[in-house]
Amino acid sequence: MIDSVREFIIWEGNGDLLDFGCGDGQCGKLAESVGARVVYADIYKHQNLKNKKLPFKNESFDIVVSEDCIEHFGNHELFYEELKRITRRGGKIILATSNIHNWYSRLLFLLTGKIIWFNDSLQHVESHIRPLILEIAETELQSVFGKNNVKFIYEDSTIPLIHWKLPLNKHTGREMVILLNR
């Protein structure tokens, strides 16, 4: 689990929380430990949204956490709309994904012509459909949530193999967390 997601759940994780793309349920279990009522949902049932709605009522959750999930959806804007629909007014949405814009990913792309985690790269995950492109995501998210309701956080600026830490920003962080206010 990404550190800022863990911290957010500890400080904000009360109420009704959806752990969307729950995997082994780490986020949900942590939220339950601080008093949240958690619904666990596996993404594979919902991966091909194609103009369909997620199977939750409008404004069902105070918090929606979706860690390492968005890259499994082809239509990110529909995914954002659905997350907004199922989150209560005043609620929070946390999206986390690998940052393909960092220097390491860019170097691998330069050397191989492949995006890490995609395109049959060395660390390819077959169910990854569309990477999160920062500039497109910013525009889409601001369109859905409003400019002041979108915040990007970057984590883990460690250089692989030698474990040096770089100053943290969108060019060095290997993980990207997006905090959205409903």
N, C-alpha and C. Protein backbone atom coordinates (compact mmCIF):
# COMPACT_ATOMS: atom_id res chain seq x y z
N MET A 1 0.84 -1.17 0.00
CA MET A 1 0.00 0.00 0.00
C MET A 1 0.89 1.24 0.00
N ILE A 2 0.52 2.23 -0.78
CA ILE A 2 1.29 3.47 -0.89
C ILE A 2 1.13 4.28 0.40
N ASP A 3 2.23 4.89 0.87
CA ASP A 3 2.25 5.58 2.16
C ASP A 3 1.16 6.63 2.30
N SER A 4 0.99 7.50 1.29
CA SER A 4 0.00 8.58 1.44
C SER A 4 -1.42 8.03 1.47
N VAL A 5 -1.67 6.91 0.81
CA VAL A 5 -2.99 6.27 0.88
C VAL A 5 -3.21 5.74 2.29
N ARG A 6 -2.19 5.10 2.85
CA ARG A 6 -2.26 4.59 4.22
C ARG A 6 -2.55 5.73 5.21
N GLU A 7 -1.80 6.82 5.09
CA GLU A 7 -1.99 7.95 5.99
C GLU A 7 -3.39 8.55 5.84
N PHE A 8 -3.85 8.69 4.62
CA PHE A 8 -5.18 9.26 4.40
C PHE A 8 -6.25 8.39 5.06
N ILE A 9 -6.16 7.08 4.89
CA ILE A 9 -7.16 6.18 5.48
C ILE A 9 -7.12 6.28 7.01
N ILE A 10 -5.94 6.36 7.59
CA ILE A 10 -5.83 6.45 9.05
C ILE A 10 -6.48 7.74 9.56
N TRP A 11 -6.27 8.86 8.85
CA TRP A 11 -6.81 10.14 9.32
C TRP A 11 -8.25 10.39 8.89
N GLU A 12 -8.64 9.91 7.73
CA GLU A 12 -9.96 10.23 7.17
C GLU A 12 -10.88 9.03 7.04
N GLY A 13 -10.39 7.84 7.36
CA GLY A 13 -11.07 6.60 7.00
C GLY A 13 -12.24 6.18 7.85
N ASN A 14 -13.08 7.11 8.28
CA ASN A 14 -14.29 6.68 8.97
C ASN A 14 -15.47 6.85 8.02
N GLY A 15 -16.58 6.24 8.33
CA GLY A 15 -17.74 6.30 7.45
C GLY A 15 -17.78 5.09 6.53
N ASP A 16 -18.44 5.26 5.40
CA ASP A 16 -18.59 4.18 4.43
C ASP A 16 -17.50 4.30 3.38
N LEU A 17 -16.70 3.25 3.22
CA LEU A 17 -15.55 3.28 2.31
C LEU A 17 -15.67 2.14 1.30
N LEU A 18 -15.44 2.46 0.03
CA LEU A 18 -15.36 1.46 -1.02
C LEU A 18 -13.90 1.23 -1.35
N ASP A 19 -13.44 -0.02 -1.21
CA ASP A 19 -12.10 -0.41 -1.63
C ASP A 19 -12.27 -1.02 -3.02
N PHE A 20 -12.13 -0.18 -4.05
CA PHE A 20 -12.40 -0.61 -5.42
C PHE A 20 -11.12 -1.08 -6.08
N GLY A 21 -11.13 -2.33 -6.51
CA GLY A 21 -9.91 -2.96 -6.99
C GLY A 21 -9.13 -3.45 -5.79
N CYS A 22 -9.83 -4.09 -4.88
CA CYS A 22 -9.33 -4.36 -3.53
C CYS A 22 -8.16 -5.33 -3.46
N GLY A 23 -7.99 -6.19 -4.47
CA GLY A 23 -6.89 -7.15 -4.39
C GLY A 23 -6.97 -7.96 -3.11
N ASP A 24 -5.93 -7.88 -2.29
CA ASP A 24 -5.94 -8.62 -1.02
C ASP A 24 -6.61 -7.85 0.11
N GLY A 25 -7.18 -6.69 -0.21
CA GLY A 25 -7.98 -5.95 0.76
C GLY A 25 -7.21 -5.13 1.77
N GLN A 26 -5.95 -4.79 1.50
CA GLN A 26 -5.14 -4.04 2.47
C GLN A 26 -5.77 -2.71 2.86
N CYS A 27 -6.24 -1.95 1.88
CA CYS A 27 -6.84 -0.64 2.18
C CYS A 27 -8.09 -0.80 3.03
N GLY A 28 -8.95 -1.72 2.64
CA GLY A 28 -10.19 -1.94 3.38
C GLY A 28 -9.95 -2.43 4.79
N LYS A 29 -9.00 -3.33 4.96
CA LYS A 29 -8.69 -3.84 6.31
C LYS A 29 -8.17 -2.73 7.21
N LEU A 30 -7.33 -1.87 6.66
CA LEU A 30 -6.83 -0.74 7.43
C LEU A 30 -8.00 0.18 7.81
N ALA A 31 -8.88 0.45 6.86
CA ALA A 31 -10.03 1.32 7.13
C ALA A 31 -10.93 0.72 8.20
N GLU A 32 -11.15 -0.59 8.14
CA GLU A 32 -11.96 -1.25 9.17
C GLU A 32 -11.31 -1.10 10.54
N SER A 33 -9.99 -1.14 10.59
CA SER A 33 -9.30 -1.04 11.88
C SER A 33 -9.46 0.34 12.51
N VAL A 34 -9.82 1.37 11.71
CA VAL A 34 -10.05 2.71 12.26
C VAL A 34 -11.54 3.05 12.28
N GLY A 35 -12.40 2.03 12.10
CA GLY A 35 -13.82 2.22 12.29
C GLY A 35 -14.69 2.39 11.06
N ALA A 36 -14.13 2.27 9.86
CA ALA A 36 -14.94 2.43 8.65
C ALA A 36 -15.77 1.18 8.38
N ARG A 37 -16.88 1.40 7.71
CA ARG A 37 -17.68 0.30 7.16
C ARG A 37 -17.23 0.14 5.71
N VAL A 38 -16.70 -1.02 5.37
CA VAL A 38 -16.01 -1.21 4.09
C VAL A 38 -16.78 -2.14 3.17
N VAL A 39 -16.83 -1.74 1.88
CA VAL A 39 -17.32 -2.62 0.82
C VAL A 39 -16.10 -2.91 -0.06
N TYR A 40 -15.85 -4.19 -0.31
CA TYR A 40 -14.74 -4.61 -1.15
C TYR A 40 -15.28 -4.93 -2.54
N ALA A 41 -14.63 -4.42 -3.59
CA ALA A 41 -15.09 -4.70 -4.96
C ALA A 41 -13.88 -5.03 -5.82
N ASP A 42 -13.98 -6.12 -6.54
CA ASP A 42 -12.93 -6.56 -7.45
C ASP A 42 -13.15 -5.89 -8.80
N ILE A 43 -12.09 -5.37 -9.41
CA ILE A 43 -12.26 -4.64 -10.66
C ILE A 43 -12.59 -5.53 -11.85
N TYR A 44 -12.22 -6.78 -11.82
CA TYR A 44 -12.37 -7.60 -13.01
C TYR A 44 -13.82 -7.77 -13.44
N LYS A 45 -14.75 -7.65 -12.50
CA LYS A 45 -16.16 -7.71 -12.85
C LYS A 45 -16.61 -6.43 -13.56
N HIS A 46 -15.88 -5.34 -13.38
CA HIS A 46 -16.30 -4.03 -13.85
C HIS A 46 -15.35 -3.42 -14.89
N GLN A 47 -14.35 -4.15 -15.28
CA GLN A 47 -13.27 -3.62 -16.11
C GLN A 47 -13.75 -3.05 -17.44
N ASN A 48 -14.67 -3.69 -18.09
CA ASN A 48 -15.16 -3.22 -19.38
C ASN A 48 -16.44 -2.42 -19.20
N LEU A 49 -16.34 -1.26 -18.58
CA LEU A 49 -17.52 -0.45 -18.29
C LEU A 49 -18.31 -0.14 -19.56
N LYS A 50 -17.65 0.38 -20.58
CA LYS A 50 -18.29 0.70 -21.86
C LYS A 50 -19.71 1.25 -21.66
N ASN A 51 -19.78 2.44 -21.10
CA ASN A 51 -21.04 3.16 -20.89
C ASN A 51 -21.97 2.50 -19.89
N LYS A 52 -21.48 1.60 -19.06
CA LYS A 52 -22.27 0.99 -18.00
C LYS A 52 -21.94 1.66 -16.69
N LYS A 53 -22.85 1.55 -15.75
CA LYS A 53 -22.63 2.12 -14.43
C LYS A 53 -22.08 1.06 -13.49
N LEU A 54 -21.30 1.50 -12.51
CA LEU A 54 -20.87 0.61 -11.45
C LEU A 54 -22.11 0.22 -10.64
N PRO A 55 -22.12 -0.97 -10.06
CA PRO A 55 -23.34 -1.47 -9.40
C PRO A 55 -23.55 -0.92 -7.99
N PHE A 56 -23.45 0.39 -7.84
CA PHE A 56 -23.67 1.03 -6.55
C PHE A 56 -24.62 2.19 -6.75
N LYS A 57 -25.41 2.47 -5.73
CA LYS A 57 -26.36 3.58 -5.79
C LYS A 57 -25.61 4.91 -5.75
N ASN A 58 -26.26 5.95 -6.25
CA ASN A 58 -25.70 7.29 -6.18
C ASN A 58 -25.36 7.63 -4.73
N GLU A 59 -24.23 8.29 -4.55
CA GLU A 59 -23.79 8.79 -3.24
C GLU A 59 -23.84 7.72 -2.15
N SER A 60 -23.23 6.58 -2.43
CA SER A 60 -23.20 5.45 -1.49
C SER A 60 -22.06 5.50 -0.49
N PHE A 61 -20.97 6.22 -0.81
CA PHE A 61 -19.75 6.13 -0.01
C PHE A 61 -19.22 7.50 0.38
N ASP A 62 -18.61 7.56 1.57
CA ASP A 62 -17.91 8.77 2.01
C ASP A 62 -16.52 8.83 1.39
N ILE A 63 -15.91 7.67 1.22
CA ILE A 63 -14.56 7.57 0.65
C ILE A 63 -14.52 6.42 -0.34
N VAL A 64 -13.88 6.66 -1.49
CA VAL A 64 -13.61 5.59 -2.45
C VAL A 64 -12.10 5.54 -2.65
N VAL A 65 -11.52 4.36 -2.43
CA VAL A 65 -10.08 4.15 -2.63
C VAL A 65 -9.92 3.20 -3.80
N SER A 66 -9.10 3.59 -4.76
CA SER A 66 -8.84 2.74 -5.91
C SER A 66 -7.33 2.76 -6.18
N GLU A 67 -6.64 1.76 -5.66
CA GLU A 67 -5.18 1.70 -5.76
C GLU A 67 -4.78 0.71 -6.84
N ASP A 68 -3.95 1.18 -7.78
CA ASP A 68 -3.45 0.35 -8.90
C ASP A 68 -4.60 -0.30 -9.66
N CYS A 69 -5.56 0.52 -10.05
CA CYS A 69 -6.77 0.02 -10.68
C CYS A 69 -7.08 0.72 -12.00
N ILE A 70 -6.84 2.03 -12.08
CA ILE A 70 -7.30 2.80 -13.22
C ILE A 70 -6.69 2.33 -14.54
N GLU A 71 -5.47 1.79 -14.50
CA GLU A 71 -4.83 1.33 -15.73
C GLU A 71 -5.54 0.12 -16.34
N HIS A 72 -6.49 -0.45 -15.62
CA HIS A 72 -7.26 -1.58 -16.13
C HIS A 72 -8.51 -1.14 -16.90
N PHE A 73 -8.75 0.18 -16.97
CA PHE A 73 -9.93 0.71 -17.65
C PHE A 73 -9.53 1.47 -18.90
N GLY A 74 -10.23 1.24 -19.98
CA GLY A 74 -9.95 1.96 -21.23
C GLY A 74 -10.53 3.35 -21.24
N ASN A 75 -11.68 3.56 -20.58
CA ASN A 75 -12.35 4.85 -20.59
C ASN A 75 -12.20 5.49 -19.21
N HIS A 76 -11.14 6.26 -19.04
CA HIS A 76 -10.88 6.87 -17.73
C HIS A 76 -11.94 7.90 -17.36
N GLU A 77 -12.39 8.69 -18.33
CA GLU A 77 -13.37 9.73 -18.01
C GLU A 77 -14.67 9.13 -17.48
N LEU A 78 -15.13 8.03 -18.08
CA LEU A 78 -16.32 7.35 -17.57
C LEU A 78 -16.06 6.83 -16.16
N PHE A 79 -14.87 6.31 -15.93
CA PHE A 79 -14.49 5.82 -14.61
C PHE A 79 -14.56 6.96 -13.58
N TYR A 80 -14.01 8.15 -13.92
CA TYR A 80 -14.06 9.30 -13.02
C TYR A 80 -15.51 9.69 -12.72
N GLU A 81 -16.33 9.73 -13.77
CA GLU A 81 -17.75 10.09 -13.61
C GLU A 81 -18.45 9.12 -12.66
N GLU A 82 -18.15 7.84 -12.81
CA GLU A 82 -18.78 6.83 -11.96
C GLU A 82 -18.31 6.95 -10.51
N LEU A 83 -17.03 7.21 -10.32
CA LEU A 83 -16.52 7.40 -8.96
C LEU A 83 -17.19 8.61 -8.31
N LYS A 84 -17.36 9.68 -9.07
CA LYS A 84 -18.03 10.87 -8.54
C LYS A 84 -19.49 10.54 -8.20
N ARG A 85 -20.16 9.82 -9.06
CA ARG A 85 -21.58 9.48 -8.85
C ARG A 85 -21.79 8.69 -7.57
N ILE A 86 -20.90 7.76 -7.27
CA ILE A 86 -21.12 6.88 -6.12
C ILE A 86 -20.57 7.45 -4.81
N THR A 87 -19.86 8.61 -4.89
CA THR A 87 -19.30 9.25 -3.70
C THR A 87 -20.23 10.35 -3.21
N ARG A 88 -20.45 10.39 -1.93
CA ARG A 88 -21.33 11.41 -1.33
C ARG A 88 -20.71 12.80 -1.47
N ARG A 89 -21.57 13.81 -1.52
CA ARG A 89 -21.10 15.20 -1.53
C ARG A 89 -20.25 15.43 -0.28
N GLY A 90 -19.10 16.06 -0.47
CA GLY A 90 -18.16 16.26 0.63
C GLY A 90 -17.24 15.08 0.84
N GLY A 91 -17.44 14.00 0.07
CA GLY A 91 -16.62 12.81 0.20
C GLY A 91 -15.29 12.94 -0.53
N LYS A 92 -14.47 11.91 -0.40
CA LYS A 92 -13.12 11.91 -1.00
C LYS A 92 -12.93 10.67 -1.86
N ILE A 93 -12.14 10.84 -2.90
CA ILE A 93 -11.75 9.73 -3.77
C ILE A 93 -10.23 9.73 -3.83
N ILE A 94 -9.63 8.56 -3.67
CA ILE A 94 -8.19 8.42 -3.75
C ILE A 94 -7.87 7.44 -4.87
N LEU A 95 -7.17 7.92 -5.87
CA LEU A 95 -6.70 7.06 -6.97
C LEU A 95 -5.19 6.95 -6.85
N ALA A 96 -4.66 5.77 -7.01
CA ALA A 96 -3.21 5.59 -6.98
C ALA A 96 -2.81 4.69 -8.14
N THR A 97 -1.70 5.02 -8.77
CA THR A 97 -1.23 4.24 -9.91
C THR A 97 0.27 4.47 -10.10
N SER A 98 0.89 3.63 -10.89
CA SER A 98 2.30 3.83 -11.23
C SER A 98 2.43 5.10 -12.06
N ASN A 99 3.50 5.83 -11.84
CA ASN A 99 3.75 7.07 -12.55
C ASN A 99 4.64 6.78 -13.76
N ILE A 100 4.03 6.72 -14.93
CA ILE A 100 4.83 6.43 -16.13
C ILE A 100 5.60 7.64 -16.62
N HIS A 101 5.46 8.78 -15.94
CA HIS A 101 6.15 10.00 -16.34
C HIS A 101 7.49 10.18 -15.63
N ASN A 102 7.83 9.29 -14.71
CA ASN A 102 9.09 9.49 -13.99
C ASN A 102 10.28 9.16 -14.89
N TRP A 103 11.46 9.56 -14.44
CA TRP A 103 12.67 9.42 -15.27
C TRP A 103 12.96 7.96 -15.62
N TYR A 104 12.72 7.05 -14.68
CA TYR A 104 13.01 5.64 -14.90
C TYR A 104 12.13 5.07 -16.01
N SER A 105 10.83 5.37 -15.95
CA SER A 105 9.91 4.90 -16.99
C SER A 105 10.26 5.51 -18.34
N ARG A 106 10.64 6.79 -18.34
CA ARG A 106 11.00 7.45 -19.59
C ARG A 106 12.29 6.86 -20.18
N LEU A 107 13.24 6.54 -19.32
CA LEU A 107 14.47 5.91 -19.79
C LEU A 107 14.18 4.55 -20.40
N LEU A 108 13.36 3.75 -19.74
CA LEU A 108 13.00 2.44 -20.29
C LEU A 108 12.28 2.59 -21.63
N PHE A 109 11.42 3.61 -21.74
CA PHE A 109 10.73 3.84 -23.00
C PHE A 109 11.72 4.23 -24.09
N LEU A 110 12.68 5.09 -23.75
CA LEU A 110 13.70 5.51 -24.71
C LEU A 110 14.52 4.32 -25.20
N LEU A 111 14.87 3.41 -24.29
CA LEU A 111 15.71 2.27 -24.64
C LEU A 111 14.95 1.14 -25.33
N THR A 112 13.67 0.96 -24.98
CA THR A 112 12.93 -0.19 -25.49
C THR A 112 11.75 0.15 -26.39
N GLY A 113 11.29 1.41 -26.31
CA GLY A 113 10.09 1.80 -27.06
C GLY A 113 8.81 1.29 -26.40
N LYS A 114 8.91 0.83 -25.17
CA LYS A 114 7.74 0.27 -24.48
C LYS A 114 7.50 1.01 -23.17
N ILE A 115 6.23 1.15 -22.82
CA ILE A 115 5.85 1.77 -21.55
C ILE A 115 5.88 0.68 -20.48
N ILE A 116 6.55 0.97 -19.36
CA ILE A 116 6.64 -0.02 -18.29
C ILE A 116 5.23 -0.41 -17.84
N TRP A 117 5.04 -1.68 -17.59
CA TRP A 117 3.77 -2.31 -17.20
C TRP A 117 2.80 -2.48 -18.37
N PHE A 118 3.17 -2.01 -19.57
CA PHE A 118 2.30 -2.07 -20.74
C PHE A 118 3.10 -2.59 -21.95
N ASN A 119 2.41 -2.85 -23.02
CA ASN A 119 3.03 -3.14 -24.32
C ASN A 119 4.05 -4.27 -24.30
N ASP A 120 3.77 -5.34 -23.64
CA ASP A 120 4.70 -6.47 -23.58
C ASP A 120 6.09 -6.06 -23.10
N SER A 121 6.15 -5.10 -22.20
CA SER A 121 7.43 -4.69 -21.63
C SER A 121 7.92 -5.77 -20.67
N LEU A 122 9.08 -5.56 -20.11
CA LEU A 122 9.66 -6.54 -19.21
C LEU A 122 8.74 -6.87 -18.04
N GLN A 123 8.02 -5.89 -17.56
CA GLN A 123 7.14 -6.08 -16.42
C GLN A 123 5.68 -5.92 -16.84
N HIS A 124 5.33 -6.46 -17.98
CA HIS A 124 4.00 -6.33 -18.56
C HIS A 124 2.94 -7.03 -17.71
N VAL A 125 1.82 -6.34 -17.50
CA VAL A 125 0.66 -6.92 -16.85
C VAL A 125 -0.43 -6.98 -17.91
N GLU A 126 -0.86 -8.16 -18.27
CA GLU A 126 -1.74 -8.34 -19.42
C GLU A 126 -3.04 -7.55 -19.33
N SER A 127 -3.59 -7.39 -18.14
CA SER A 127 -4.87 -6.70 -18.02
C SER A 127 -4.74 -5.18 -17.99
N HIS A 128 -3.52 -4.65 -18.08
CA HIS A 128 -3.35 -3.20 -18.17
C HIS A 128 -3.77 -2.75 -19.57
N ILE A 129 -4.74 -1.86 -19.63
CA ILE A 129 -5.31 -1.43 -20.90
C ILE A 129 -4.79 -0.06 -21.32
N ARG A 130 -4.83 0.91 -20.40
CA ARG A 130 -4.48 2.29 -20.75
C ARG A 130 -3.74 2.94 -19.59
N PRO A 131 -2.51 3.42 -19.85
CA PRO A 131 -1.78 4.12 -18.78
C PRO A 131 -2.42 5.48 -18.50
N LEU A 132 -2.18 5.98 -17.32
CA LEU A 132 -2.67 7.30 -16.94
C LEU A 132 -1.66 8.33 -17.45
N ILE A 133 -2.05 9.09 -18.46
CA ILE A 133 -1.21 10.15 -19.02
C ILE A 133 -1.52 11.42 -18.25
N LEU A 134 -0.53 11.97 -17.58
CA LEU A 134 -0.74 13.05 -16.62
C LEU A 134 -1.51 14.24 -17.20
N GLU A 135 -1.09 14.74 -18.33
CA GLU A 135 -1.73 15.93 -18.90
C GLU A 135 -3.20 15.67 -19.25
N ILE A 136 -3.49 14.49 -19.78
CA ILE A 136 -4.87 14.13 -20.12
C ILE A 136 -5.68 13.95 -18.84
N ALA A 137 -5.10 13.27 -17.86
CA ALA A 137 -5.79 13.04 -16.59
C ALA A 137 -6.13 14.35 -15.90
N GLU A 138 -5.19 15.30 -15.89
CA GLU A 138 -5.46 16.59 -15.25
C GLU A 138 -6.67 17.27 -15.89
N THR A 139 -6.71 17.30 -17.20
CA THR A 139 -7.82 17.93 -17.92
C THR A 139 -9.13 17.20 -17.64
N GLU A 140 -9.13 15.88 -17.75
CA GLU A 140 -10.35 15.11 -17.52
C GLU A 140 -10.84 15.25 -16.08
N LEU A 141 -9.93 15.13 -15.11
CA LEU A 141 -10.32 15.22 -13.71
C LEU A 141 -10.84 16.61 -13.35
N GLN A 142 -10.19 17.65 -13.86
CA GLN A 142 -10.68 19.00 -13.59
C GLN A 142 -12.03 19.24 -14.24
N SER A 143 -12.27 18.63 -15.37
CA SER A 143 -13.58 18.73 -16.02
C SER A 143 -14.67 18.07 -15.18
N VAL A 144 -14.37 16.94 -14.57
CA VAL A 144 -15.36 16.20 -13.79
C VAL A 144 -15.50 16.75 -12.38
N PHE A 145 -14.40 17.10 -11.71
CA PHE A 145 -14.43 17.47 -10.29
C PHE A 145 -14.23 18.96 -10.02
N GLY A 146 -13.76 19.71 -11.00
CA GLY A 146 -13.44 21.12 -10.78
C GLY A 146 -11.97 21.27 -10.45
N LYS A 147 -11.41 22.39 -10.88
CA LYS A 147 -9.97 22.61 -10.77
C LYS A 147 -9.45 22.54 -9.32
N ASN A 148 -10.20 23.07 -8.37
CA ASN A 148 -9.73 23.13 -6.99
C ASN A 148 -9.94 21.84 -6.22
N ASN A 149 -10.50 20.83 -6.86
CA ASN A 149 -10.80 19.57 -6.17
C ASN A 149 -9.90 18.42 -6.58
N VAL A 150 -8.78 18.74 -7.24
CA VAL A 150 -7.86 17.72 -7.74
C VAL A 150 -6.46 18.02 -7.22
N LYS A 151 -5.84 17.03 -6.57
CA LYS A 151 -4.48 17.20 -6.05
C LYS A 151 -3.64 15.97 -6.39
N PHE A 152 -2.47 16.19 -6.98
CA PHE A 152 -1.55 15.11 -7.32
C PHE A 152 -0.43 15.05 -6.29
N ILE A 153 -0.11 13.82 -5.84
CA ILE A 153 0.98 13.58 -4.90
C ILE A 153 1.87 12.50 -5.52
N TYR A 154 3.18 12.64 -5.38
CA TYR A 154 4.10 11.66 -5.93
C TYR A 154 4.88 11.01 -4.80
N GLU A 155 5.18 9.72 -4.93
CA GLU A 155 5.89 8.98 -3.89
C GLU A 155 6.96 8.09 -4.49
N ASP A 156 7.89 7.72 -3.65
CA ASP A 156 8.96 6.77 -3.96
C ASP A 156 9.85 7.24 -5.09
N SER A 157 10.84 8.05 -4.73
CA SER A 157 11.80 8.55 -5.71
C SER A 157 13.11 7.79 -5.66
N THR A 158 13.06 6.55 -5.20
CA THR A 158 14.26 5.74 -5.08
C THR A 158 14.74 5.26 -6.45
N ILE A 159 16.03 5.38 -6.68
CA ILE A 159 16.62 4.86 -7.92
C ILE A 159 16.73 3.34 -7.76
N PRO A 160 16.13 2.58 -8.67
CA PRO A 160 16.20 1.12 -8.56
C PRO A 160 17.65 0.62 -8.52
N LEU A 161 17.84 -0.45 -7.85
CA LEU A 161 19.11 -1.15 -7.69
C LEU A 161 20.07 -0.48 -6.71
N ILE A 162 20.29 0.83 -6.82
CA ILE A 162 21.24 1.47 -5.92
C ILE A 162 20.55 2.16 -4.74
N HIS A 163 19.25 2.29 -4.78
CA HIS A 163 18.43 2.79 -3.67
C HIS A 163 18.77 4.20 -3.20
N TRP A 164 19.16 5.07 -4.12
CA TRP A 164 19.33 6.47 -3.79
C TRP A 164 18.00 7.17 -3.92
N LYS A 165 17.75 8.12 -3.04
CA LYS A 165 16.52 8.91 -3.11
C LYS A 165 16.79 10.20 -3.87
N LEU A 166 15.88 10.54 -4.77
CA LEU A 166 15.95 11.80 -5.51
C LEU A 166 14.92 12.76 -4.92
N PRO A 167 15.06 14.07 -5.18
CA PRO A 167 14.00 15.00 -4.76
C PRO A 167 12.68 14.55 -5.40
N LEU A 168 11.61 14.64 -4.64
CA LEU A 168 10.34 14.07 -5.08
C LEU A 168 9.53 15.06 -5.89
N ASN A 169 9.15 14.66 -7.12
CA ASN A 169 8.25 15.43 -7.97
C ASN A 169 7.70 14.51 -9.06
N LYS A 170 6.97 15.05 -10.01
CA LYS A 170 6.35 14.20 -11.03
C LYS A 170 7.37 13.52 -11.94
N HIS A 171 8.59 14.01 -11.96
CA HIS A 171 9.62 13.40 -12.80
C HIS A 171 10.42 12.33 -12.06
N THR A 172 10.28 12.25 -10.74
CA THR A 172 11.06 11.27 -9.98
C THR A 172 10.18 10.25 -9.25
N GLY A 173 8.97 10.63 -8.88
CA GLY A 173 8.10 9.73 -8.11
C GLY A 173 7.65 8.54 -8.93
N ARG A 174 7.85 7.35 -8.39
CA ARG A 174 7.44 6.14 -9.11
C ARG A 174 5.96 5.84 -8.94
N GLU A 175 5.34 6.42 -7.93
CA GLU A 175 3.90 6.24 -7.69
C GLU A 175 3.22 7.60 -7.73
N MET A 176 1.99 7.62 -8.24
CA MET A 176 1.20 8.83 -8.32
C MET A 176 -0.10 8.59 -7.55
N VAL A 177 -0.44 9.51 -6.65
CA VAL A 177 -1.69 9.45 -5.90
C VAL A 177 -2.47 10.70 -6.25
N ILE A 178 -3.74 10.52 -6.55
CA ILE A 178 -4.61 11.65 -6.89
C ILE A 178 -5.71 11.71 -5.84
N LEU A 179 -5.80 12.84 -5.15
CA LEU A 179 -6.84 13.08 -4.15
C LEU A 179 -7.92 13.94 -4.79
N LEU A 180 -9.15 13.48 -4.72
CA LEU A 180 -10.26 14.19 -5.34
C LEU A 180 -11.32 14.49 -4.28
N ASN A 181 -11.81 15.72 -4.30
CA ASN A 181 -12.90 16.11 -3.41
C ASN A 181 -14.20 16.12 -4.21
N ARG A 182 -15.23 15.54 -3.63
CA ARG A 182 -16.54 15.51 -4.31
C ARG A 182 -17.30 16.74 -3.90
